PDB file of N, CA and C in Angstrom:
ATOM      1  N   UNK A   1     139.432 129.515 123.289  1.00  0.00           N
ATOM      2  CA  UNK A   1     138.832 127.797 123.683  1.00  0.00           C
ATOM      3  C   UNK A   1     138.148 128.038 124.777  1.00  0.00           C
ATOM      4  N   UNK A   2     137.816 128.732 125.523  1.00  0.00           N
ATOM      5  CA  UNK A   2     137.014 129.499 126.745  1.00  0.00           C
ATOM      6  C   UNK A   2     135.687 129.669 126.053  1.00  0.00           C
ATOM      7  N   UNK A   3     135.754 130.413 125.109  1.00  0.00           N
ATOM      8  CA  UNK A   3     134.104 130.618 124.363  1.00  0.00           C
ATOM      9  C   UNK A   3     133.680 129.300 123.546  1.00  0.00           C
ATOM     10  N   UNK A   4     134.950 128.755 123.090  1.00  0.00           N
ATOM     11  CA  UNK A   4     134.326 127.156 122.475  1.00  0.00           C
ATOM     12  C   UNK A   4     133.802 126.472 123.840  1.00  0.00           C
ATOM     13  N   UNK A   5     134.428 126.142 124.388  1.00  0.00           N
ATOM     14  CA  UNK A   5     133.689 125.491 126.018  1.00  0.00           C
ATOM     15  C   UNK A   5     132.683 125.741 126.616  1.00  0.00           C
ATOM     16  N   UNK A   6     132.556 127.536 126.689  1.00  0.00           N
ATOM     17  CA  UNK A   6     131.032 128.006 127.084  1.00  0.00           C
ATOM     18  C   UNK A   6     130.103 127.649 125.995  1.00  0.00           C
ATOM     19  N   UNK A   7     130.113 127.275 124.331  1.00  0.00           N
ATOM     20  CA  UNK A   7     129.277 127.187 123.953  1.00  0.00           C
ATOM     21  C   UNK A   7     129.107 125.316 123.881  1.00  0.00           C
ATOM     22  N   UNK A   8     130.401 124.696 124.129  1.00  0.00           N
ATOM     23  CA  UNK A   8     129.961 123.159 124.283  1.00  0.00           C
ATOM     24  C   UNK A   8     128.906 123.423 125.322  1.00  0.00           C
ATOM     25  N   UNK A   9     129.347 124.129 126.938  1.00  0.00           N
ATOM     26  CA  UNK A   9     128.470 123.805 127.797  1.00  0.00           C
ATOM     27  C   UNK A   9     126.638 124.091 127.780  1.00  0.00           C
ATOM     28  N   UNK A  10     126.620 124.851 127.207  1.00  0.00           N
ATOM     29  CA  UNK A  10     125.299 125.457 126.681  1.00  0.00           C
ATOM     30  C   UNK A  10     124.628 124.263 125.674  1.00  0.00           C
ATOM     31  N   UNK A  11     125.226 123.762 124.984  1.00  0.00           N
ATOM     32  CA  UNK A  11     124.660 123.040 124.021  1.00  0.00           C
ATOM     33  C   UNK A  11     124.381 121.207 125.165  1.00  0.00           C
ATOM     34  N   UNK A  12     125.497 120.768 125.716  1.00  0.00           N
ATOM     35  CA  UNK A  12     125.921 119.423 125.774  1.00  0.00           C
ATOM     36  C   UNK A  12     125.481 119.395 127.177  1.00  0.00           C
ATOM     37  N   UNK A  13     125.475 120.601 128.151  1.00  0.00           N
ATOM     38  CA  UNK A  13     126.168 120.646 129.936  1.00  0.00           C
ATOM     39  C   UNK A  13     126.812 121.054 130.077  1.00  0.00           C
ATOM     40  N   UNK A  14     127.048 121.567 131.203  1.00  0.00           N
ATOM     41  CA  UNK A  14     128.325 121.753 132.258  1.00  0.00           C
ATOM     42  C   UNK A  14     129.546 120.182 132.617  1.00  0.00           C
ATOM     43  N   UNK A  15     128.728 119.206 132.481  1.00  0.00           N
ATOM     44  CA  UNK A  15     130.308 118.551 132.850  1.00  0.00           C
ATOM     45  C   UNK A  15     130.782 117.697 131.643  1.00  0.00           C
ATOM     46  N   UNK A  16     130.138 118.124 130.491  1.00  0.00           N
ATOM     47  CA  UNK A  16     131.019 117.991 129.142  1.00  0.00           C
ATOM     48  C   UNK A  16     132.063 119.572 128.609  1.00  0.00           C
ATOM     49  N   UNK A  17     131.119 120.374 128.970  1.00  0.00           N
ATOM     50  CA  UNK A  17     131.946 122.091 128.804  1.00  0.00           C
ATOM     51  C   UNK A  17     133.224 121.796 129.510  1.00  0.00           C
ATOM     52  N   UNK A  18     133.141 121.491 130.817  1.00  0.00           N
ATOM     53  CA  UNK A  18     133.756 121.510 131.927  1.00  0.00           C
ATOM     54  C   UNK A  18     135.173 120.787 131.526  1.00  0.00           C
ATOM     55  N   UNK A  19     134.819 119.693 131.213  1.00  0.00           N
ATOM     56  CA  UNK A  19     136.173 119.180 130.086  1.00  0.00           C
ATOM     57  C   UNK A  19     137.094 119.868 129.518  1.00  0.00           C
ATOM     58  N   UNK A  20     136.554 120.906 128.749  1.00  0.00           N
ATOM     59  CA  UNK A  20     136.563 121.538 127.863  1.00  0.00           C
ATOM     60  C   UNK A  20     137.616 122.852 128.166  1.00  0.00           C
ATOM     61  N   UNK A  21     137.042 123.084 129.422  1.00  0.00           N
ATOM     62  CA  UNK A  21     137.478 124.171 130.018  1.00  0.00           C
ATOM     63  C   UNK A  21     138.617 124.319 130.329  1.00  0.00           C
ATOM     64  N   UNK A  22     139.074 122.954 131.026  1.00  0.00           N
ATOM     65  CA  UNK A  22     140.299 122.473 131.010  1.00  0.00           C
ATOM     66  C   UNK A  22     141.529 122.758 130.521  1.00  0.00           C
ATOM     67  N   UNK A  23     141.038 122.852 129.038  1.00  0.00           N
ATOM     68  CA  UNK A  23     142.269 122.458 128.329  1.00  0.00           C
ATOM     69  C   UNK A  23     143.113 124.129 128.264  1.00  0.00           C
ATOM     70  N   UNK A  24     142.487 125.417 128.066  1.00  0.00           N
ATOM     71  CA  UNK A  24     143.074 126.470 127.778  1.00  0.00           C
ATOM     72  C   UNK A  24     143.892 126.792 128.949  1.00  0.00           C
ATOM     73  N   UNK A  25     143.433 126.546 129.958  1.00  0.00           N
ATOM     74  CA  UNK A  25     143.976 126.392 131.403  1.00  0.00           C
ATOM     75  C   UNK A  25     145.260 126.125 131.339  1.00  0.00           C
ATOM     76  N   UNK A  26     145.716 124.966 130.898  1.00  0.00           N
ATOM     77  CA  UNK A  26     146.528 123.694 131.655  1.00  0.00           C
ATOM     78  C   UNK A  26     147.370 123.790 130.271  1.00  0.00           C
ATOM     79  N   UNK A  27     147.006 123.220 129.056  1.00  0.00           N
ATOM     80  CA  UNK A  27     148.209 122.852 128.082  1.00  0.00           C
ATOM     81  C   UNK A  27     148.860 123.836 127.606  1.00  0.00           C
ATOM     82  N   UNK A  28     148.223 125.092 127.349  1.00  0.00           N
ATOM     83  CA  UNK A  28     149.222 125.949 126.695  1.00  0.00           C
ATOM     84  C   UNK A  28     150.199 127.129 127.920  1.00  0.00           C
ATOM     85  N   UNK A  29     149.647 126.858 129.448  1.00  0.00           N
ATOM     86  CA  UNK A  29     150.423 127.297 130.023  1.00  0.00           C
ATOM     87  C   UNK A  29     151.844 126.243 130.309  1.00  0.00           C
ATOM     88  N   UNK A  30     151.702 124.954 130.318  1.00  0.00           N
ATOM     89  CA  UNK A  30     152.866 123.923 130.477  1.00  0.00           C
ATOM     90  C   UNK A  30     153.762 124.003 128.890  1.00  0.00           C
ATOM     91  N   UNK A  31     152.968 123.864 127.843  1.00  0.00           N
ATOM     92  CA  UNK A  31     154.118 124.210 126.594  1.00  0.00           C
ATOM     93  C   UNK A  31     154.443 125.467 126.722  1.00  0.00           C
ATOM     94  N   UNK A  32     154.230 126.454 127.388  1.00  0.00           N
ATOM     95  CA  UNK A  32     155.304 127.795 127.005  1.00  0.00           C
ATOM     96  C   UNK A  32     156.098 127.213 128.277  1.00  0.00           C
ATOM     97  N   UNK A  33     156.133 126.902 129.342  1.00  0.00           N
ATOM     98  CA  UNK A  33     157.081 126.374 130.603  1.00  0.00           C
ATOM     99  C   UNK A  33     158.010 125.500 129.728  1.00  0.00           C
ATOM    100  N   UNK A  34     157.800 124.673 129.158  1.00  0.00           N
ATOM    101  CA  UNK A  34     158.732 123.405 128.279  1.00  0.00           C
ATOM    102  C   UNK A  34     159.007 124.289 127.978  1.00  0.00           C
ATOM    103  N   UNK A  35     158.648 125.084 126.613  1.00  0.00           N
ATOM    104  CA  UNK A  35     159.663 125.890 125.696  1.00  0.00           C
ATOM    105  C   UNK A  35     160.563 126.809 126.345  1.00  0.00           C
ATOM    106  N   UNK A  36     160.045 127.157 127.341  1.00  0.00           N
ATOM    107  CA  UNK A  36     160.883 128.445 127.911  1.00  0.00           C
ATOM    108  C   UNK A  36     162.066 127.157 128.516  1.00  0.00           C
ATOM    109  N   UNK A  37     162.119 126.758 129.697  1.00  0.00           N
ATOM    110  CA  UNK A  37     163.032 125.890 130.234  1.00  0.00           C
ATOM    111  C   UNK A  37     163.888 124.817 129.175  1.00  0.00           C
ATOM    112  N   UNK A  38     163.956 124.589 128.168  1.00  0.00           N
ATOM    113  CA  UNK A  38     164.153 123.707 127.382  1.00  0.00           C
ATOM    114  C   UNK A  38     165.341 125.052 126.560  1.00  0.00           C
ATOM    115  N   UNK A  39     164.973 126.625 126.399  1.00  0.00           N
ATOM    116  CA  UNK A  39     165.888 127.073 126.119  1.00  0.00           C
ATOM    117  C   UNK A  39     166.956 127.616 126.865  1.00  0.00           C
ATOM    118  N   UNK A  40     166.492 127.441 128.511  1.00  0.00           N
ATOM    119  CA  UNK A  40     167.031 127.768 129.413  1.00  0.00           C
ATOM    120  C   UNK A  40     168.199 126.814 129.834  1.00  0.00           C
ATOM    121  N   UNK A  41     167.999 125.598 129.666  1.00  0.00           N
ATOM    122  CA  UNK A  41     168.824 124.762 129.780  1.00  0.00           C
ATOM    123  C   UNK A  41     169.994 124.658 128.379  1.00  0.00           C
ATOM    124  N   UNK A  42     169.562 124.556 127.462  1.00  0.00           N
ATOM    125  CA  UNK A  42     170.244 124.851 126.301  1.00  0.00           C
ATOM    126  C   UNK A  42     171.213 126.069 126.269  1.00  0.00           C
ATOM    127  N   UNK A  43     171.178 127.145 126.575  1.00  0.00           N
ATOM    128  CA  UNK A  43     171.671 127.792 126.428  1.00  0.00           C
ATOM    129  C   UNK A  43     172.703 128.025 127.920  1.00  0.00           C
ATOM    130  N   UNK A  44     172.574 127.517 129.152  1.00  0.00           N
ATOM    131  CA  UNK A  44     173.502 127.254 130.011  1.00  0.00           C
ATOM    132  C   UNK A  44     174.689 126.170 129.507  1.00  0.00           C
ATOM    133  N   UNK A  45     173.981 125.718 128.945  1.00  0.00           N
ATOM    134  CA  UNK A  45     175.040 124.635 128.459  1.00  0.00           C
ATOM    135  C   UNK A  45     175.795 124.904 127.316  1.00  0.00           C
ATOM    136  N   UNK A  46     175.319 125.997 126.969  1.00  0.00           N
ATOM    137  CA  UNK A  46     176.374 126.410 125.571  1.00  0.00           C
ATOM    138  C   UNK A  46     175.402 125.781 124.495  1.00  0.00           C
ATOM    139  N   UNK A  47     174.432 125.362 123.864  1.00  0.00           N
ATOM    140  CA  UNK A  47     173.958 124.883 122.715  1.00  0.00           C
ATOM    141  C   UNK A  47     173.050 126.146 122.024  1.00  0.00           C
ATOM    142  N   UNK A  48     173.239 126.213 120.798  1.00  0.00           N
ATOM    143  CA  UNK A  48     172.298 126.993 119.842  1.00  0.00           C
ATOM    144  C   UNK A  48     171.288 126.734 120.223  1.00  0.00           C
ATOM    145  N   UNK A  49     169.909 127.712 120.700  1.00  0.00           N
ATOM    146  CA  UNK A  49     168.585 127.347 121.014  1.00  0.00           C
ATOM    147  C   UNK A  49     167.818 127.469 120.050  1.00  0.00           C
ATOM    148  N   UNK A  50     168.268 127.608 118.609  1.00  0.00           N
ATOM    149  CA  UNK A  50     167.260 127.872 117.334  1.00  0.00           C
ATOM    150  C   UNK A  50     166.533 126.676 117.145  1.00  0.00           C
ATOM    151  N   UNK A  51     164.806 126.753 117.804  1.00  0.00           N
ATOM    152  CA  UNK A  51     164.121 125.879 117.682  1.00  0.00           C
ATOM    153  C   UNK A  51     163.851 124.651 118.545  1.00  0.00           C
ATOM    154  N   UNK A  52     164.928 124.574 119.496  1.00  0.00           N
ATOM    155  CA  UNK A  52     164.992 123.496 120.420  1.00  0.00           C
ATOM    156  C   UNK A  52     163.650 123.991 121.381  1.00  0.00           C
ATOM    157  N   UNK A  53     163.512 125.060 121.976  1.00  0.00           N
ATOM    158  CA  UNK A  53     162.126 124.932 122.463  1.00  0.00           C
ATOM    159  C   UNK A  53     161.096 124.495 122.069  1.00  0.00           C
ATOM    160  N   UNK A  54     160.556 124.927 120.815  1.00  0.00           N
ATOM    161  CA  UNK A  54     159.373 124.866 120.171  1.00  0.00           C
ATOM    162  C   UNK A  54     159.175 123.721 119.780  1.00  0.00           C
ATOM    163  N   UNK A  55     160.891 122.734 119.287  1.00  0.00           N
ATOM    164  CA  UNK A  55     160.715 120.797 118.993  1.00  0.00           C
ATOM    165  C   UNK A  55     160.305 120.297 120.740  1.00  0.00           C
ATOM    166  N   UNK A  56     160.516 120.607 121.455  1.00  0.00           N
ATOM    167  CA  UNK A  56     160.059 120.391 122.872  1.00  0.00           C
ATOM    168  C   UNK A  56     158.274 120.544 123.284  1.00  0.00           C
ATOM    169  N   UNK A  57     158.510 121.840 123.049  1.00  0.00           N
ATOM    170  CA  UNK A  57     156.763 121.984 123.046  1.00  0.00           C
ATOM    171  C   UNK A  57     156.028 121.111 121.978  1.00  0.00           C
ATOM    172  N   UNK A  58     156.529 120.741 121.045  1.00  0.00           N
ATOM    173  CA  UNK A  58     155.859 120.553 119.621  1.00  0.00           C
ATOM    174  C   UNK A  58     155.768 118.737 120.278  1.00  0.00           C
ATOM    175  N   UNK A  59     156.546 118.160 120.971  1.00  0.00           N
ATOM    176  CA  UNK A  59     156.748 116.743 121.484  1.00  0.00           C
ATOM    177  C   UNK A  59     155.692 116.750 122.754  1.00  0.00           C
ATOM    178  N   UNK A  60     155.823 117.605 123.270  1.00  0.00           N
ATOM    179  CA  UNK A  60     154.506 117.922 124.665  1.00  0.00           C
ATOM    180  C   UNK A  60     153.271 117.474 123.898  1.00  0.00           C
ATOM    181  N   UNK A  61     153.551 118.442 123.187  1.00  0.00           N
ATOM    182  CA  UNK A  61     151.775 118.710 122.627  1.00  0.00           C
ATOM    183  C   UNK A  61     151.447 117.440 121.775  1.00  0.00           C
ATOM    184  N   UNK A  62     152.257 116.470 121.117  1.00  0.00           N
ATOM    185  CA  UNK A  62     151.866 115.398 120.725  1.00  0.00           C
ATOM    186  C   UNK A  62     151.439 114.587 121.722  1.00  0.00           C
ATOM    187  N   UNK A  63     152.508 114.451 123.109  1.00  0.00           N
ATOM    188  CA  UNK A  63     151.866 113.526 123.971  1.00  0.00           C
ATOM    189  C   UNK A  63     150.799 113.375 124.531  1.00  0.00           C
ATOM    190  N   UNK A  64     150.519 114.801 124.866  1.00  0.00           N
ATOM    191  CA  UNK A  64     149.294 115.216 125.670  1.00  0.00           C
ATOM    192  C   UNK A  64     148.311 115.240 124.268  1.00  0.00           C
ATOM    193  N   UNK A  65     148.085 115.048 123.058  1.00  0.00           N
ATOM    194  CA  UNK A  65     147.250 114.457 122.138  1.00  0.00           C
ATOM    195  C   UNK A  65     146.549 113.146 122.250  1.00  0.00           C
ATOM    196  N   UNK A  66     147.814 112.262 122.568  1.00  0.00           N
ATOM    197  CA  UNK A  66     147.849 110.282 122.568  1.00  0.00           C
ATOM    198  C   UNK A  66     147.106 110.813 123.949  1.00  0.00           C
ATOM    199  N   UNK A  67     147.774 110.935 125.137  1.00  0.00           N
ATOM    200  CA  UNK A  67     146.957 110.768 126.070  1.00  0.00           C
ATOM    201  C   UNK A  67     145.364 111.396 126.334  1.00  0.00           C
ATOM    202  N   UNK A  68     144.942 112.416 125.617  1.00  0.00           N
ATOM    203  CA  UNK A  68     143.479 112.396 125.759  1.00  0.00           C
ATOM    204  C   UNK A  68     142.916 111.690 124.988  1.00  0.00           C
ATOM    205  N   UNK A  69     143.300 110.857 123.974  1.00  0.00           N
ATOM    206  CA  UNK A  69     142.683 109.962 123.332  1.00  0.00           C
ATOM    207  C   UNK A  69     142.736 108.843 124.215  1.00  0.00           C
ATOM    208  N   UNK A  70     143.633 108.330 125.561  1.00  0.00           N
ATOM    209  CA  UNK A  70     142.920 107.285 126.481  1.00  0.00           C
ATOM    210  C   UNK A  70     142.225 108.056 127.209  1.00  0.00           C
ATOM    211  N   UNK A  71     142.324 109.258 127.655  1.00  0.00           N
ATOM    212  CA  UNK A  71     141.649 109.836 128.720  1.00  0.00           C
ATOM    213  C   UNK A  71     140.094 110.292 128.308  1.00  0.00           C
ATOM    214  N   UNK A  72     139.693 110.128 126.975  1.00  0.00           N
ATOM    215  CA  UNK A  72     138.000 110.118 126.518  1.00  0.00           C
ATOM    216  C   UNK A  72     137.862 108.825 126.163  1.00  0.00           C
ATOM    217  N   UNK A  73     138.564 108.363 126.502  1.00  0.00           N
ATOM    218  CA  UNK A  73     137.638 106.502 126.909  1.00  0.00           C
ATOM    219  C   UNK A  73     137.624 106.542 128.195  1.00  0.00           C
ATOM    220  N   UNK A  74     138.306 107.005 129.452  1.00  0.00           N
ATOM    221  CA  UNK A  74     137.964 106.813 130.601  1.00  0.00           C
ATOM    222  C   UNK A  74     136.550 107.412 131.284  1.00  0.00           C
ATOM    223  N   UNK A  75     136.799 108.755 130.178  1.00  0.00           N
ATOM    224  CA  UNK A  75     135.790 109.524 130.702  1.00  0.00           C
ATOM    225  C   UNK A  75     134.214 108.831 129.888  1.00  0.00           C
ATOM    226  N   UNK A  76     134.668 108.322 128.573  1.00  0.00           N
ATOM    227  CA  UNK A  76     133.120 107.996 128.448  1.00  0.00           C
ATOM    228  C   UNK A  76     133.112 106.259 128.978  1.00  0.00           C
ATOM    229  N   UNK A  77     133.604 105.974 129.446  1.00  0.00           N
ATOM    230  CA  UNK A  77     133.179 104.123 130.046  1.00  0.00           C
ATOM    231  C   UNK A  77     132.471 104.411 131.469  1.00  0.00           C
ATOM    232  N   UNK A  78     133.392 105.476 132.052  1.00  0.00           N
ATOM    233  CA  UNK A  78     132.860 105.848 133.500  1.00  0.00           C
ATOM    234  C   UNK A  78     131.548 106.271 133.294  1.00  0.00           C
ATOM    235  N   UNK A  79     130.957 107.089 132.022  1.00  0.00           N
ATOM    236  CA  UNK A  79     129.901 107.997 131.628  1.00  0.00           C
ATOM    237  C   UNK A  79     128.629 107.089 131.808  1.00  0.00           C
ATOM    238  N   UNK A  80     129.140 106.367 130.572  1.00  0.00           N
ATOM    239  CA  UNK A  80     128.332 105.010 130.637  1.00  0.00           C
ATOM    240  C   UNK A  80     128.146 104.113 131.398  1.00  0.00           C
ATOM    241  N   UNK A  81     128.939 103.864 132.717  1.00  0.00           N
ATOM    242  CA  UNK A  81     128.956 102.184 133.769  1.00  0.00           C
ATOM    243  C   UNK A  81     128.785 102.976 134.814  1.00  0.00           C
ATOM    244  N   UNK A  82     128.717 104.154 135.211  1.00  0.00           N
ATOM    245  CA  UNK A  82     128.413 104.571 136.145  1.00  0.00           C
ATOM    246  C   UNK A  82     126.845 104.405 136.567  1.00  0.00           C
ATOM    247  N   UNK A  83     125.630 104.785 136.195  1.00  0.00           N
ATOM    248  CA  UNK A  83     124.754 104.088 135.901  1.00  0.00           C
ATOM    249  C   UNK A  83     123.822 102.887 136.271  1.00  0.00           C
ATOM    250  N   UNK A  84     124.638 102.224 135.426  1.00  0.00           N
ATOM    251  CA  UNK A  84     124.812 100.800 135.393  1.00  0.00           C
ATOM    252  C   UNK A  84     124.774  99.915 136.368  1.00  0.00           C
ATOM    253  N   UNK A  85     126.627 100.376 137.168  1.00  0.00           N
ATOM    254  CA  UNK A  85     127.295  99.482 137.657  1.00  0.00           C
ATOM    255  C   UNK A  85     127.247 100.366 139.621  1.00  0.00           C
ATOM    256  N   UNK A  86     127.910  99.575 140.319  1.00  0.00           N
ATOM    257  CA  UNK A  86     128.642 100.782 141.469  1.00  0.00           C
ATOM    258  C   UNK A  86     129.231 101.472 140.636  1.00  0.00           C
ATOM    259  N   UNK A  87     129.594 102.588 141.313  1.00  0.00           N
ATOM    260  CA  UNK A  87     130.635 103.427 141.212  1.00  0.00           C
ATOM    261  C   UNK A  87     131.908 103.174 141.237  1.00  0.00           C
ATOM    262  N   UNK A  88     132.461 102.903 142.248  1.00  0.00           N
ATOM    263  CA  UNK A  88     133.897 102.049 142.357  1.00  0.00           C
ATOM    264  C   UNK A  88     134.013 100.867 141.032  1.00  0.00           C
ATOM    265  N   UNK A  89     133.019 100.396 140.712  1.00  0.00           N
ATOM    266  CA  UNK A  89     133.781  99.228 140.069  1.00  0.00           C
ATOM    267  C   UNK A  89     133.575  99.599 138.507  1.00  0.00           C
ATOM    268  N   UNK A  90     132.598 100.851 138.364  1.00  0.00           N
ATOM    269  CA  UNK A  90     132.972 101.551 137.120  1.00  0.00           C
ATOM    270  C   UNK A  90     133.883 102.312 136.954  1.00  0.00           C
ATOM    271  N   UNK A  91     134.397 103.410 137.683  1.00  0.00           N
ATOM    272  CA  UNK A  91     135.762 103.508 137.832  1.00  0.00           C
ATOM    273  C   UNK A  91     137.115 102.932 137.761  1.00  0.00           C
ATOM    274  N   UNK A  92     136.933 101.723 138.498  1.00  0.00           N
ATOM    275  CA  UNK A  92     138.152 100.435 138.089  1.00  0.00           C
ATOM    276  C   UNK A  92     137.657 100.172 136.978  1.00  0.00           C
ATOM    277  N   UNK A  93     136.932 100.044 136.486  1.00  0.00           N
ATOM    278  CA  UNK A  93     136.750  99.575 135.144  1.00  0.00           C
ATOM    279  C   UNK A  93     137.098 100.396 133.832  1.00  0.00           C
ATOM    280  N   UNK A  94     136.810 101.900 134.129  1.00  0.00           N
ATOM    281  CA  UNK A  94     136.958 103.084 133.398  1.00  0.00           C
ATOM    282  C   UNK A  94     139.150 102.803 133.277  1.00  0.00           C
ATOM    283  N   UNK A  95     139.609 103.215 134.680  1.00  0.00           N
ATOM    284  CA  UNK A  95     140.985 103.180 135.049  1.00  0.00           C
ATOM    285  C   UNK A  95     141.859 102.033 134.480  1.00  0.00           C
ATOM    286  N   UNK A  96     141.371 100.911 134.114  1.00  0.00           N
ATOM    287  CA  UNK A  96     141.764 100.093 133.643  1.00  0.00           C
ATOM    288  C   UNK A  96     141.815  99.936 132.066  1.00  0.00           C
ATOM    289  N   UNK A  97     140.662 100.549 131.701  1.00  0.00           N
ATOM    290  CA  UNK A  97     140.569 100.372 130.417  1.00  0.00           C
ATOM    291  C   UNK A  97     141.318 101.503 130.159  1.00  0.00           C
ATOM    292  N   UNK A  98     141.556 102.714 130.760  1.00  0.00           N
ATOM    293  CA  UNK A  98     142.653 104.266 130.246  1.00  0.00           C
ATOM    294  C   UNK A  98     143.572 103.685 130.179  1.00  0.00           C
ATOM    295  N   UNK A  99     144.246 102.938 131.337  1.00  0.00           N
ATOM    296  CA  UNK A  99     145.714 102.401 131.479  1.00  0.00           C
ATOM    297  C   UNK A  99     146.546 101.335 130.200  1.00  0.00           C
ATOM    298  N   UNK A 100     145.276 100.309 129.986  1.00  0.00           N
ATOM    299  CA  UNK A 100     145.371  99.719 128.816  1.00  0.00           C
ATOM    300  C   UNK A 100     145.938 100.919 127.544  1.00  0.00           C
ATOM    301  N   UNK A 101     145.266 101.318 127.310  1.00  0.00           N
ATOM    302  CA  UNK A 101     144.702 102.362 125.958  1.00  0.00           C
ATOM    303  C   UNK A 101     146.178 102.939 125.965  1.00  0.00           C
ATOM    304  N   UNK A 102     146.516 103.754 126.768  1.00  0.00           N
ATOM    305  CA  UNK A 102     147.331 104.717 127.172  1.00  0.00           C
ATOM    306  C   UNK A 102     148.811 103.611 127.194  1.00  0.00           C
ATOM    307  N   UNK A 103     149.074 102.749 127.432  1.00  0.00           N
ATOM    308  CA  UNK A 103     150.069 101.648 127.512  1.00  0.00           C
ATOM    309  C   UNK A 103     150.014 100.975 125.648  1.00  0.00           C
ATOM    310  N   UNK A 104     149.113 100.884 125.244  1.00  0.00           N
ATOM    311  CA  UNK A 104     149.171 100.363 124.084  1.00  0.00           C
ATOM    312  C   UNK A 104     149.461 101.321 122.928  1.00  0.00           C
ATOM    313  N   UNK A 105     149.073 103.052 123.409  1.00  0.00           N
ATOM    314  CA  UNK A 105     149.437 103.793 122.106  1.00  0.00           C
ATOM    315  C   UNK A 105     150.967 104.577 122.789  1.00  0.00           C
ATOM    316  N   UNK A 106     151.557 104.179 123.769  1.00  0.00           N
ATOM    317  CA  UNK A 106     153.051 104.416 124.185  1.00  0.00           C
ATOM    318  C   UNK A 106     153.590 103.262 123.440  1.00  0.00           C
ATOM    319  N   UNK A 107     153.183 102.073 123.476  1.00  0.00           N
ATOM    320  CA  UNK A 107     154.079 100.803 123.086  1.00  0.00           C
ATOM    321  C   UNK A 107     153.868 101.122 121.286  1.00  0.00           C
ATOM    322  N   UNK A 108     153.153 101.319 120.673  1.00  0.00           N
ATOM    323  CA  UNK A 108     152.802 101.600 119.219  1.00  0.00           C
ATOM    324  C   UNK A 108     153.560 103.228 118.769  1.00  0.00           C
ATOM    325  N   UNK A 109     153.486 104.045 119.967  1.00  0.00           N
ATOM    326  CA  UNK A 109     154.616 105.263 119.161  1.00  0.00           C
ATOM    327  C   UNK A 109     156.107 105.064 119.285  1.00  0.00           C
ATOM    328  N   UNK A 110     156.333 103.724 120.251  1.00  0.00           N
ATOM    329  CA  UNK A 110     157.749 103.332 120.236  1.00  0.00           C
ATOM    330  C   UNK A 110     158.136 102.421 119.567  1.00  0.00           C
ATOM    331  N   UNK A 111     156.923 101.626 118.869  1.00  0.00           N
ATOM    332  CA  UNK A 111     157.423 101.152 117.720  1.00  0.00           C
ATOM    333  C   UNK A 111     157.550 101.470 116.297  1.00  0.00           C
ATOM    334  N   UNK A 112     157.212 103.062 116.485  1.00  0.00           N
ATOM    335  CA  UNK A 112     157.223 103.531 114.981  1.00  0.00           C
ATOM    336  C   UNK A 112     155.722 103.907 114.135  1.00  0.00           C
ATOM    337  N   UNK A 113     154.602 103.904 115.185  1.00  0.00           N
ATOM    338  CA  UNK A 113     153.616 103.462 114.227  1.00  0.00           C
ATOM    339  C   UNK A 113     153.051 105.122 114.244  1.00  0.00           C
ATOM    340  N   UNK A 114     153.647 106.413 114.828  1.00  0.00           N
ATOM    341  CA  UNK A 114     153.815 107.687 115.098  1.00  0.00           C
ATOM    342  C   UNK A 114     154.811 108.364 114.776  1.00  0.00           C
ATOM    343  N   UNK A 115     155.051 108.145 113.221  1.00  0.00           N
ATOM    344  CA  UNK A 115     156.888 109.087 113.073  1.00  0.00           C
ATOM    345  C   UNK A 115     156.475 110.220 112.592  1.00  0.00           C
ATOM    346  N   UNK A 116     156.977 111.511 113.501  1.00  0.00           N
ATOM    347  CA  UNK A 116     156.848 112.900 112.846  1.00  0.00           C
ATOM    348  C   UNK A 116     157.650 112.860 111.928  1.00  0.00           C
ATOM    349  N   UNK A 117     157.778 113.631 111.189  1.00  0.00           N
ATOM    350  CA  UNK A 117     158.310 114.371 109.743  1.00  0.00           C
ATOM    351  C   UNK A 117     159.128 115.490 110.154  1.00  0.00           C
ATOM    352  N   UNK A 118     160.072 115.533 110.145  1.00  0.00           N
ATOM    353  CA  UNK A 118     161.379 116.630 110.690  1.00  0.00           C
ATOM    354  C   UNK A 118     161.776 117.269 108.976  1.00  0.00           C
ATOM    355  N   UNK A 119     161.835 118.593 109.269  1.00  0.00           N
ATOM    356  CA  UNK A 119     162.077 119.406 108.080  1.00  0.00           C
ATOM    357  C   UNK A 119     163.813 119.093 108.277  1.00  0.00           C
ATOM    358  N   UNK A 120     164.422 119.065 109.606  1.00  0.00           N
ATOM    359  CA  UNK A 120     165.957 119.280 109.557  1.00  0.00           C
ATOM    360  C   UNK A 120     165.796 118.064 110.910  1.00  0.00           C
ATOM    361  N   UNK A 121     167.106 117.378 110.831  1.00  0.00           N
ATOM    362  CA  UNK A 121     167.493 116.910 111.900  1.00  0.00           C
ATOM    363  C   UNK A 121     167.838 117.353 113.447  1.00  0.00           C
ATOM    364  N   UNK A 122     167.297 116.545 114.492  1.00  0.00           N
ATOM    365  CA  UNK A 122     167.724 117.105 116.106  1.00  0.00           C
ATOM    366  C   UNK A 122     168.794 116.919 116.383  1.00  0.00           C
ATOM    367  N   UNK A 123     169.618 118.123 116.565  1.00  0.00           N
ATOM    368  CA  UNK A 123     170.878 118.190 116.812  1.00  0.00           C
ATOM    369  C   UNK A 123     171.250 117.468 118.305  1.00  0.00           C
ATOM    370  N   UNK A 124     172.285 116.685 118.181  1.00  0.00           N
ATOM    371  CA  UNK A 124     172.312 115.691 119.663  1.00  0.00           C
ATOM    372  C   UNK A 124     171.654 116.259 120.895  1.00  0.00           C
ATOM    373  N   UNK A 125     170.898 115.391 121.571  1.00  0.00           N
ATOM    374  CA  UNK A 125     170.560 116.127 123.076  1.00  0.00           C
ATOM    375  C   UNK A 125     171.457 115.623 124.305  1.00  0.00           C
ATOM    376  N   UNK A 126     171.269 116.625 125.010  1.00  0.00           N
ATOM    377  CA  UNK A 126     172.289 116.269 125.956  1.00  0.00           C
ATOM    378  C   UNK A 126     171.386 115.606 127.209  1.00  0.00           C
TER     379      UNK A 126
END
C-alpha cells in the first residue's frame, strides 16, 4: 500500500497521495487489534474463539469501507469549494455533507440494504 500511495502521489500530487498513505498505517493495525481483543475477550468468558476475531475484524473493515465513502465526499466537497468560497464555509458544507451521507449509509445498513452472506451463523454474542 505504501508503494501504491507513493505512485499515486507522483501522479496526482502529495495531497492526494497523503490520503492513501494513511491507510496502511491505521487500518491494518486497528483490524489486528480488534481481532486480538475479541479473541481475548471470548477466551476469558470461556467461549470458543474459532473465527470470532476474524469476523469482528471483517465487520470493522466493512464499517471502515462505508465510512470511507462519506469521507471521500467530504474531501471532494472541501477541495472543490475552498477555492470558490470562504474556507470556513467550505469546511462547514463539507462537514454537513459527510455527516448526512454517513448517517444515510448507516441507516441503510440498519435497514438491511447491505447484508453480509455468512457461511455459518454467528454464535450468541456476550
